[in-house]
Structure formats: C-alpha cells, structure tokens
Amino acid sequence: MIEGKISKLDVEKRSAVIVTDDGAEIPVRFTDNVNVEVVELETQGWVGGELADLDEGYLVNLDISPADRDGVHSCGNIVSLS
C-alpha cells in the first residue's frame, strides 16, 4: 500500500499519477473493477464511490501491483483521505 496525492487524474483512461511524500511519481492504471472508497462528510466514515469522485490534489491510499514493463502499476483499491 502507498500513500500520496493525486497529481494527475484521467477518469476516461482510468489512470493517474500519485506523488508520494518523498516526491516519487507513481503512474497507476485502475482495474475495471477497482474498489473506490471516499469520505462520507456527515459521518466521516468511508462509503463506496467511483473514480469520478476523486480529484487532483486528493490524499489517497492505494493497493498497487508491481510495475509492468512500461513502469505503470495496476490499482484495484483506492481510498480517498481528503
């Protein structure tokens, strides 16, 4: 699992670039059945969401696979902390 901020997000292409605290840029491609969880404002708990609920600048935790030969990681689970 990694934690970072979304610096680029393309919902249509199901991809993003995550920047970690140490400045590493991690390109990710979201799986077709990605689990998206976002903060529910009233209870401050998490609820299911969609990639469209995310935005650049959001702090997130992601489960990612090792990079493929193009250096892109696959992501099947993302939790928005923002």
PDB file of N, CA and C in Angstrom:
ATOM      1  N   MET A   1       0.848  -1.171   0.000  1.00  0.00           N
ATOM      2  CA  MET A   1       0.000   0.000   0.000  1.00  0.00           C
ATOM      3  C   MET A   1       0.897   1.239   0.000  1.00  0.00           C
ATOM      4  N   ILE A   2       0.488   2.228  -0.768  1.00  0.00           N
ATOM      5  CA  ILE A   2       1.211   3.501  -0.797  1.00  0.00           C
ATOM      6  C   ILE A   2       0.252   4.627  -0.437  1.00  0.00           C
ATOM      7  N   GLU A   3       0.818   5.723   0.021  1.00  0.00           N
ATOM      8  CA  GLU A   3       0.034   6.919   0.313  1.00  0.00           C
ATOM      9  C   GLU A   3       0.642   8.076  -0.458  1.00  0.00           C
ATOM     10  N   GLY A   4      -0.202   8.905  -1.023  1.00  0.00           N
ATOM     11  CA  GLY A   4       0.283  10.071  -1.757  1.00  0.00           C
ATOM     12  C   GLY A   4      -0.869  10.937  -2.209  1.00  0.00           C
ATOM     13  N   LYS A   5      -0.535  11.944  -3.001  1.00  0.00           N
ATOM     14  CA  LYS A   5      -1.541  12.854  -3.557  1.00  0.00           C
ATOM     15  C   LYS A   5      -1.702  12.577  -5.043  1.00  0.00           C
ATOM     16  N   ILE A   6      -2.925  12.714  -5.513  1.00  0.00           N
ATOM     17  CA  ILE A   6      -3.186  12.578  -6.939  1.00  0.00           C
ATOM     18  C   ILE A   6      -2.687  13.847  -7.622  1.00  0.00           C
ATOM     19  N   SER A   7      -1.689  13.697  -8.519  1.00  0.00           N
ATOM     20  CA  SER A   7      -1.207  14.880  -9.231  1.00  0.00           C
ATOM     21  C   SER A   7      -1.825  14.983 -10.614  1.00  0.00           C
ATOM     22  N   LYS A   8      -2.182  13.850 -11.191  1.00  0.00           N
ATOM     23  CA  LYS A   8      -2.872  13.820 -12.493  1.00  0.00           C
ATOM     24  C   LYS A   8      -3.915  12.720 -12.422  1.00  0.00           C
ATOM     25  N   LEU A   9      -5.095  12.986 -12.974  1.00  0.00           N
ATOM     26  CA  LEU A   9      -6.174  12.004 -12.980  1.00  0.00           C
ATOM     27  C   LEU A   9      -6.889  12.068 -14.313  1.00  0.00           C
ATOM     28  N   ASP A  10      -7.028  10.918 -14.957  1.00  0.00           N
ATOM     29  CA  ASP A  10      -7.777  10.819 -16.210  1.00  0.00           C
ATOM     30  C   ASP A  10      -8.810   9.708 -16.024  1.00  0.00           C
ATOM     31  N   VAL A  11     -10.033  10.103 -15.679  1.00  0.00           N
ATOM     32  CA  VAL A  11     -11.085   9.135 -15.392  1.00  0.00           C
ATOM     33  C   VAL A  11     -11.408   8.302 -16.628  1.00  0.00           C
ATOM     34  N   GLU A  12     -11.464   8.933 -17.793  1.00  0.00           N
ATOM     35  CA  GLU A  12     -11.798   8.213 -19.019  1.00  0.00           C
ATOM     36  C   GLU A  12     -10.769   7.132 -19.352  1.00  0.00           C
ATOM     37  N   LYS A  13      -9.493   7.427 -19.142  1.00  0.00           N
ATOM     38  CA  LYS A  13      -8.432   6.448 -19.418  1.00  0.00           C
ATOM     39  C   LYS A  13      -8.138   5.566 -18.209  1.00  0.00           C
ATOM     40  N   ARG A  14      -8.834   5.828 -17.085  1.00  0.00           N
ATOM     41  CA  ARG A  14      -8.679   5.049 -15.857  1.00  0.00           C
ATOM     42  C   ARG A  14      -7.225   5.047 -15.387  1.00  0.00           C
ATOM     43  N   SER A  15      -6.624   6.244 -15.368  1.00  0.00           N
ATOM     44  CA  SER A  15      -5.222   6.336 -14.982  1.00  0.00           C
ATOM     45  C   SER A  15      -4.984   7.562 -14.100  1.00  0.00           C
ATOM     46  N   ALA A  16      -3.861   7.512 -13.376  1.00  0.00           N
ATOM     47  CA  ALA A  16      -3.493   8.628 -12.504  1.00  0.00           C
ATOM     48  C   ALA A  16      -1.997   8.589 -12.261  1.00  0.00           C
ATOM     49  N   VAL A  17      -1.489   9.698 -11.764  1.00  0.00           N
ATOM     50  CA  VAL A  17      -0.123   9.769 -11.259  1.00  0.00           C
ATOM     51  C   VAL A  17      -0.243  10.177  -9.799  1.00  0.00           C
ATOM     52  N   ILE A  18       0.387   9.385  -8.925  1.00  0.00           N
ATOM     53  CA  ILE A  18       0.374   9.643  -7.496  1.00  0.00           C
ATOM     54  C   ILE A  18       1.761  10.110  -7.093  1.00  0.00           C
ATOM     55  N   VAL A  19       1.836  11.191  -6.317  1.00  0.00           N
ATOM     56  CA  VAL A  19       3.111  11.695  -5.821  1.00  0.00           C
ATOM     57  C   VAL A  19       3.188  11.394  -4.331  1.00  0.00           C
ATOM     58  N   THR A  20       4.238  10.669  -3.923  1.00  0.00           N
ATOM     59  CA  THR A  20       4.426  10.316  -2.524  1.00  0.00           C
ATOM     60  C   THR A  20       5.116  11.453  -1.779  1.00  0.00           C
ATOM     61  N   ASP A  21       5.192  11.334  -0.462  1.00  0.00           N
ATOM     62  CA  ASP A  21       5.822  12.367   0.370  1.00  0.00           C
ATOM     63  C   ASP A  21       7.275  12.619  -0.014  1.00  0.00           C
ATOM     64  N   ASP A  22       7.959  11.579  -0.509  1.00  0.00           N
ATOM     65  CA  ASP A  22       9.361  11.756  -0.883  1.00  0.00           C
ATOM     66  C   ASP A  22       9.534  12.251  -2.317  1.00  0.00           C
ATOM     67  N   GLY A  23       8.413  12.594  -2.980  1.00  0.00           N
ATOM     68  CA  GLY A  23       8.459  13.169  -4.323  1.00  0.00           C
ATOM     69  C   GLY A  23       8.435  12.173  -5.464  1.00  0.00           C
ATOM     70  N   ALA A  24       8.354  10.875  -5.152  1.00  0.00           N
ATOM     71  CA  ALA A  24       8.284   9.865  -6.214  1.00  0.00           C
ATOM     72  C   ALA A  24       6.940   9.977  -6.940  1.00  0.00           C
ATOM     73  N   GLU A  25       7.000   9.899  -8.279  1.00  0.00           N
ATOM     74  CA  GLU A  25       5.783   9.913  -9.094  1.00  0.00           C
ATOM     75  C   GLU A  25       5.478   8.483  -9.517  1.00  0.00           C
ATOM     76  N   ILE A  26       4.299   7.995  -9.136  1.00  0.00           N
ATOM     77  CA  ILE A  26       3.921   6.618  -9.405  1.00  0.00           C
ATOM     78  C   ILE A  26       2.732   6.606 -10.355  1.00  0.00           C
ATOM     79  N   PRO A  27       2.958   6.150 -11.610  1.00  0.00           N
ATOM     80  CA  PRO A  27       1.849   6.057 -12.551  1.00  0.00           C
ATOM     81  C   PRO A  27       1.012   4.805 -12.257  1.00  0.00           C
ATOM     82  N   VAL A  28      -0.309   4.961 -12.235  1.00  0.00           N
ATOM     83  CA  VAL A  28      -1.195   3.828 -11.973  1.00  0.00           C
ATOM     84  C   VAL A  28      -2.289   3.754 -13.028  1.00  0.00           C
ATOM     85  N   ARG A  29      -2.728   2.542 -13.261  1.00  0.00           N
ATOM     86  CA  ARG A  29      -3.878   2.276 -14.130  1.00  0.00           C
ATOM     87  C   ARG A  29      -4.881   1.521 -13.267  1.00  0.00           C
ATOM     88  N   PHE A  30      -6.112   2.006 -13.207  1.00  0.00           N
ATOM     89  CA  PHE A  30      -7.130   1.391 -12.374  1.00  0.00           C
ATOM     90  C   PHE A  30      -7.755   0.195 -13.084  1.00  0.00           C
ATOM     91  N   THR A  31      -7.951  -0.887 -12.336  1.00  0.00           N
ATOM     92  CA  THR A  31      -8.581  -2.073 -12.893  1.00  0.00           C
ATOM     93  C   THR A  31     -10.045  -1.778 -13.222  1.00  0.00           C
ATOM     94  N   ASP A  32     -10.650  -2.637 -14.037  1.00  0.00           N
ATOM     95  CA  ASP A  32     -12.054  -2.442 -14.401  1.00  0.00           C
ATOM     96  C   ASP A  32     -12.982  -2.513 -13.191  1.00  0.00           C
ATOM     97  N   ASN A  33     -12.589  -3.312 -12.194  1.00  0.00           N
ATOM     98  CA  ASN A  33     -13.444  -3.471 -11.016  1.00  0.00           C
ATOM     99  C   ASN A  33     -12.812  -2.826  -9.776  1.00  0.00           C
ATOM    100  N   VAL A  34     -12.131  -1.693  -9.975  1.00  0.00           N
ATOM    101  CA  VAL A  34     -11.458  -1.005  -8.867  1.00  0.00           C
ATOM    102  C   VAL A  34     -12.456  -0.664  -7.760  1.00  0.00           C
ATOM    103  N   ASN A  35     -12.033  -0.894  -6.518  1.00  0.00           N
ATOM    104  CA  ASN A  35     -12.821  -0.527  -5.350  1.00  0.00           C
ATOM    105  C   ASN A  35     -12.405   0.889  -4.945  1.00  0.00           C
ATOM    106  N   VAL A  36     -13.348   1.829  -5.002  1.00  0.00           N
ATOM    107  CA  VAL A  36     -13.090   3.226  -4.642  1.00  0.00           C
ATOM    108  C   VAL A  36     -13.867   3.535  -3.367  1.00  0.00           C
ATOM    109  N   GLU A  37     -13.161   4.046  -2.356  1.00  0.00           N
ATOM    110  CA  GLU A  37     -13.818   4.456  -1.120  1.00  0.00           C
ATOM    111  C   GLU A  37     -13.510   5.925  -0.885  1.00  0.00           C
ATOM    112  N   VAL A  38     -14.543   6.677  -0.521  1.00  0.00           N
ATOM    113  CA  VAL A  38     -14.398   8.114  -0.277  1.00  0.00           C
ATOM    114  C   VAL A  38     -14.978   8.456   1.089  1.00  0.00           C
ATOM    115  N   VAL A  39     -14.533   9.568   1.653  1.00  0.00           N
ATOM    116  CA  VAL A  39     -15.023  10.022   2.949  1.00  0.00           C
ATOM    117  C   VAL A  39     -16.464  10.505   2.814  1.00  0.00           C
ATOM    118  N   GLU A  40     -17.319  10.024   3.710  1.00  0.00           N
ATOM    119  CA  GLU A  40     -18.703  10.483   3.783  1.00  0.00           C
ATOM    120  C   GLU A  40     -18.711  11.645   4.760  1.00  0.00           C
ATOM    121  N   LEU A  41     -19.074  12.834   4.297  1.00  0.00           N
ATOM    122  CA  LEU A  41     -18.907  14.059   5.069  1.00  0.00           C
ATOM    123  C   LEU A  41     -19.660  14.076   6.404  1.00  0.00           C
ATOM    124  N   GLU A  42     -20.861  13.558   6.443  1.00  0.00           N
ATOM    125  CA  GLU A  42     -21.653  13.639   7.676  1.00  0.00           C
ATOM    126  C   GLU A  42     -21.092  12.758   8.788  1.00  0.00           C
ATOM    127  N   THR A  43     -20.662  11.553   8.456  1.00  0.00           N
ATOM    128  CA  THR A  43     -20.208  10.617   9.488  1.00  0.00           C
ATOM    129  C   THR A  43     -18.688  10.505   9.562  1.00  0.00           C
ATOM    130  N   GLN A  44     -17.985  11.051   8.566  1.00  0.00           N
ATOM    131  CA  GLN A  44     -16.532  10.924   8.441  1.00  0.00           C
ATOM    132  C   GLN A  44     -16.099   9.475   8.286  1.00  0.00           C
ATOM    133  N   GLY A  45     -17.023   8.615   7.873  1.00  0.00           N
ATOM    134  CA  GLY A  45     -16.704   7.229   7.549  1.00  0.00           C
ATOM    135  C   GLY A  45     -16.493   7.113   6.047  1.00  0.00           C
ATOM    136  N   TRP A  46     -16.194   5.916   5.573  1.00  0.00           N
ATOM    137  CA  TRP A  46     -15.981   5.717   4.149  1.00  0.00           C
ATOM    138  C   TRP A  46     -17.185   5.048   3.516  1.00  0.00           C
ATOM    139  N   VAL A  47     -17.477   5.453   2.296  1.00  0.00           N
ATOM    140  CA  VAL A  47     -18.550   4.855   1.507  1.00  0.00           C
ATOM    141  C   VAL A  47     -18.001   4.529   0.126  1.00  0.00           C
ATOM    142  N   GLY A  48     -18.681   3.631  -0.564  1.00  0.00           N
ATOM    143  CA  GLY A  48     -18.275   3.287  -1.919  1.00  0.00           C
ATOM    144  C   GLY A  48     -18.412   4.475  -2.840  1.00  0.00           C
ATOM    145  N   GLY A  49     -17.518   4.555  -3.802  1.00  0.00           N
ATOM    146  CA  GLY A  49     -17.557   5.662  -4.744  1.00  0.00           C
ATOM    147  C   GLY A  49     -17.120   5.219  -6.119  1.00  0.00           C
ATOM    148  N   GLU A  50     -16.874   6.191  -6.957  1.00  0.00           N
ATOM    149  CA  GLU A  50     -16.438   5.989  -8.335  1.00  0.00           C
ATOM    150  C   GLU A  50     -15.162   6.796  -8.558  1.00  0.00           C
ATOM    151  N   LEU A  51     -14.435   6.485  -9.616  1.00  0.00           N
ATOM    152  CA  LEU A  51     -13.244   7.266  -9.946  1.00  0.00           C
ATOM    153  C   LEU A  51     -13.586   8.741 -10.124  1.00  0.00           C
ATOM    154  N   ALA A  52     -14.774   9.032 -10.631  1.00  0.00           N
ATOM    155  CA  ALA A  52     -15.193  10.420 -10.847  1.00  0.00           C
ATOM    156  C   ALA A  52     -15.337  11.193  -9.540  1.00  0.00           C
ATOM    157  N   ASP A  53     -15.406  10.494  -8.395  1.00  0.00           N
ATOM    158  CA  ASP A  53     -15.493  11.160  -7.093  1.00  0.00           C
ATOM    159  C   ASP A  53     -14.136  11.676  -6.631  1.00  0.00           C
ATOM    160  N   LEU A  54     -13.070  11.261  -7.286  1.00  0.00           N
ATOM    161  CA  LEU A  54     -11.717  11.676  -6.926  1.00  0.00           C
ATOM    162  C   LEU A  54     -11.337  12.921  -7.708  1.00  0.00           C
ATOM    163  N   ASP A  55     -10.294  13.611  -7.239  1.00  0.00           N
ATOM    164  CA  ASP A  55      -9.837  14.807  -7.935  1.00  0.00           C
ATOM    165  C   ASP A  55      -8.351  14.997  -7.668  1.00  0.00           C
ATOM    166  N   GLU A  56      -7.723  15.754  -8.537  1.00  0.00           N
ATOM    167  CA  GLU A  56      -6.308  16.072  -8.354  1.00  0.00           C
ATOM    168  C   GLU A  56      -6.131  16.822  -7.043  1.00  0.00           C
ATOM    169  N   GLY A  57      -5.071  16.479  -6.311  1.00  0.00           N
ATOM    170  CA  GLY A  57      -4.796  17.077  -5.022  1.00  0.00           C
ATOM    171  C   GLY A  57      -5.294  16.252  -3.845  1.00  0.00           C
ATOM    172  N   TYR A  58      -6.147  15.258  -4.099  1.00  0.00           N
ATOM    173  CA  TYR A  58      -6.660  14.422  -3.018  1.00  0.00           C
ATOM    174  C   TYR A  58      -5.550  13.538  -2.467  1.00  0.00           C
ATOM    175  N   LEU A  59      -5.537  13.375  -1.154  1.00  0.00           N
ATOM    176  CA  LEU A  59      -4.642  12.447  -0.480  1.00  0.00           C
ATOM    177  C   LEU A  59      -5.302  11.073  -0.503  1.00  0.00           C
ATOM    178  N   VAL A  60      -4.560  10.051  -0.939  1.00  0.00           N
ATOM    179  CA  VAL A  60      -5.137   8.722  -1.117  1.00  0.00           C
ATOM    180  C   VAL A  60      -4.192   7.628  -0.622  1.00  0.00           C
ATOM    181  N   ASN A  61      -4.776   6.482  -0.293  1.00  0.00           N
ATOM    182  CA  ASN A  61      -4.055   5.240  -0.066  1.00  0.00           C
ATOM    183  C   ASN A  61      -4.438   4.300  -1.194  1.00  0.00           C
ATOM    184  N   LEU A  62      -3.456   3.592  -1.745  1.00  0.00           N
ATOM    185  CA  LEU A  62      -3.720   2.684  -2.860  1.00  0.00           C
ATOM    186  C   LEU A  62      -3.035   1.346  -2.638  1.00  0.00           C
ATOM    187  N   ASP A  63      -3.696   0.287  -3.083  1.00  0.00           N
ATOM    188  CA  ASP A  63      -3.065  -1.017  -3.200  1.00  0.00           C
ATOM    189  C   ASP A  63      -2.651  -1.140  -4.657  1.00  0.00           C
ATOM    190  N   ILE A  64      -1.353  -1.358  -4.905  1.00  0.00           N
ATOM    191  CA  ILE A  64      -0.876  -1.449  -6.284  1.00  0.00           C
ATOM    192  C   ILE A  64      -0.056  -2.711  -6.492  1.00  0.00           C
ATOM    193  N   SER A  65       0.000  -3.127  -7.738  1.00  0.00           N
ATOM    194  CA  SER A  65       0.820  -4.269  -8.126  1.00  0.00           C
ATOM    195  C   SER A  65       2.210  -3.765  -8.496  1.00  0.00           C
ATOM    196  N   PRO A  66       3.172  -4.685  -8.639  1.00  0.00           N
ATOM    197  CA  PRO A  66       4.482  -4.268  -9.167  1.00  0.00           C
ATOM    198  C   PRO A  66       4.297  -3.639 -10.557  1.00  0.00           C
ATOM    199  N   ALA A  67       5.205  -2.759 -10.913  1.00  0.00           N
ATOM    200  CA  ALA A  67       5.118  -2.072 -12.209  1.00  0.00           C
ATOM    201  C   ALA A  67       5.244  -3.063 -13.362  1.00  0.00           C
ATOM    202  N   ASP A  68       4.512  -2.784 -14.449  1.00  0.00           N
ATOM    203  CA  ASP A  68       4.662  -3.585 -15.659  1.00  0.00           C
ATOM    204  C   ASP A  68       5.896  -3.102 -16.415  1.00  0.00           C
ATOM    205  N   ARG A  69       6.135  -3.630 -17.585  1.00  0.00           N
ATOM    206  CA  ARG A  69       7.355  -3.272 -18.323  1.00  0.00           C
ATOM    207  C   ARG A  69       7.389  -1.809 -18.760  1.00  0.00           C
ATOM    208  N   ASP A  70       6.215  -1.147 -18.745  1.00  0.00           N
ATOM    209  CA  ASP A  70       6.148   0.283 -19.071  1.00  0.00           C
ATOM    210  C   ASP A  70       6.280   1.162 -17.823  1.00  0.00           C
ATOM    211  N   GLY A  71       6.439   0.531 -16.652  1.00  0.00           N
ATOM    212  CA  GLY A  71       6.582   1.277 -15.416  1.00  0.00           C
ATOM    213  C   GLY A  71       5.275   1.692 -14.773  1.00  0.00           C
ATOM    214  N   VAL A  72       4.154   1.142 -15.250  1.00  0.00           N
ATOM    215  CA  VAL A  72       2.835   1.501 -14.734  1.00  0.00           C
ATOM    216  C   VAL A  72       2.361   0.409 -13.771  1.00  0.00           C
ATOM    217  N   HIS A  73       1.799   0.853 -12.655  1.00  0.00           N
ATOM    218  CA  HIS A  73       1.269  -0.072 -11.645  1.00  0.00           C
ATOM    219  C   HIS A  73      -0.229  -0.229 -11.840  1.00  0.00           C
ATOM    220  N   SER A  74      -0.734  -1.414 -11.546  1.00  0.00           N
ATOM    221  CA  SER A  74      -2.166  -1.662 -11.589  1.00  0.00           C
ATOM    222  C   SER A  74      -2.726  -1.415 -10.186  1.00  0.00           C
ATOM    223  N   CYS A  75      -3.888  -0.782 -10.104  1.00  0.00           N
ATOM    224  CA  CYS A  75      -4.512  -0.467  -8.815  1.00  0.00           C
ATOM    225  C   CYS A  75      -5.927  -1.028  -8.775  1.00  0.00           C
ATOM    226  N   GLY A  76      -6.201  -1.846  -7.765  1.00  0.00           N
ATOM    227  CA  GLY A  76      -7.537  -2.423  -7.595  1.00  0.00           C
ATOM    228  C   GLY A  76      -8.283  -1.868  -6.408  1.00  0.00           C
ATOM    229  N   ASN A  77      -7.626  -1.032  -5.588  1.00  0.00           N
ATOM    230  CA  ASN A  77      -8.254  -0.475  -4.400  1.00  0.00           C
ATOM    231  C   ASN A  77      -7.658   0.897  -4.112  1.00  0.00           C
ATOM    232  N   ILE A  78      -8.529   1.899  -3.977  1.00  0.00           N
ATOM    233  CA  ILE A  78      -8.072   3.258  -3.646  1.00  0.00           C
ATOM    234  C   ILE A  78      -9.018   3.856  -2.609  1.00  0.00           C
ATOM    235  N   VAL A  79      -8.435   4.458  -1.573  1.00  0.00           N
ATOM    236  CA  VAL A  79      -9.196   5.093  -0.513  1.00  0.00           C
ATOM    237  C   VAL A  79      -8.812   6.564  -0.477  1.00  0.00           C
ATOM    238  N   SER A  80      -9.793   7.443  -0.620  1.00  0.00           N
ATOM    239  CA  SER A  80      -9.549   8.881  -0.562  1.00  0.00           C
ATOM    240  C   SER A  80      -9.565   9.327   0.888  1.00  0.00           C
ATOM    241  N   LEU A  81      -8.497   9.991   1.313  1.00  0.00           N
ATOM    242  CA  LEU A  81      -8.412  10.515   2.674  1.00  0.00           C
ATOM    243  C   LEU A  81      -8.765  11.990   2.721  1.00  0.00           C
ATOM    244  N   SER A  82      -9.064  12.596   1.575  1.00  0.00           N
ATOM    245  CA  SER A  82      -9.403  14.023   1.502  1.00  0.00           C
ATOM    246  C   SER A  82     -10.892  14.210   1.413  1.00  0.00           C
TER     247      SER A  82
END
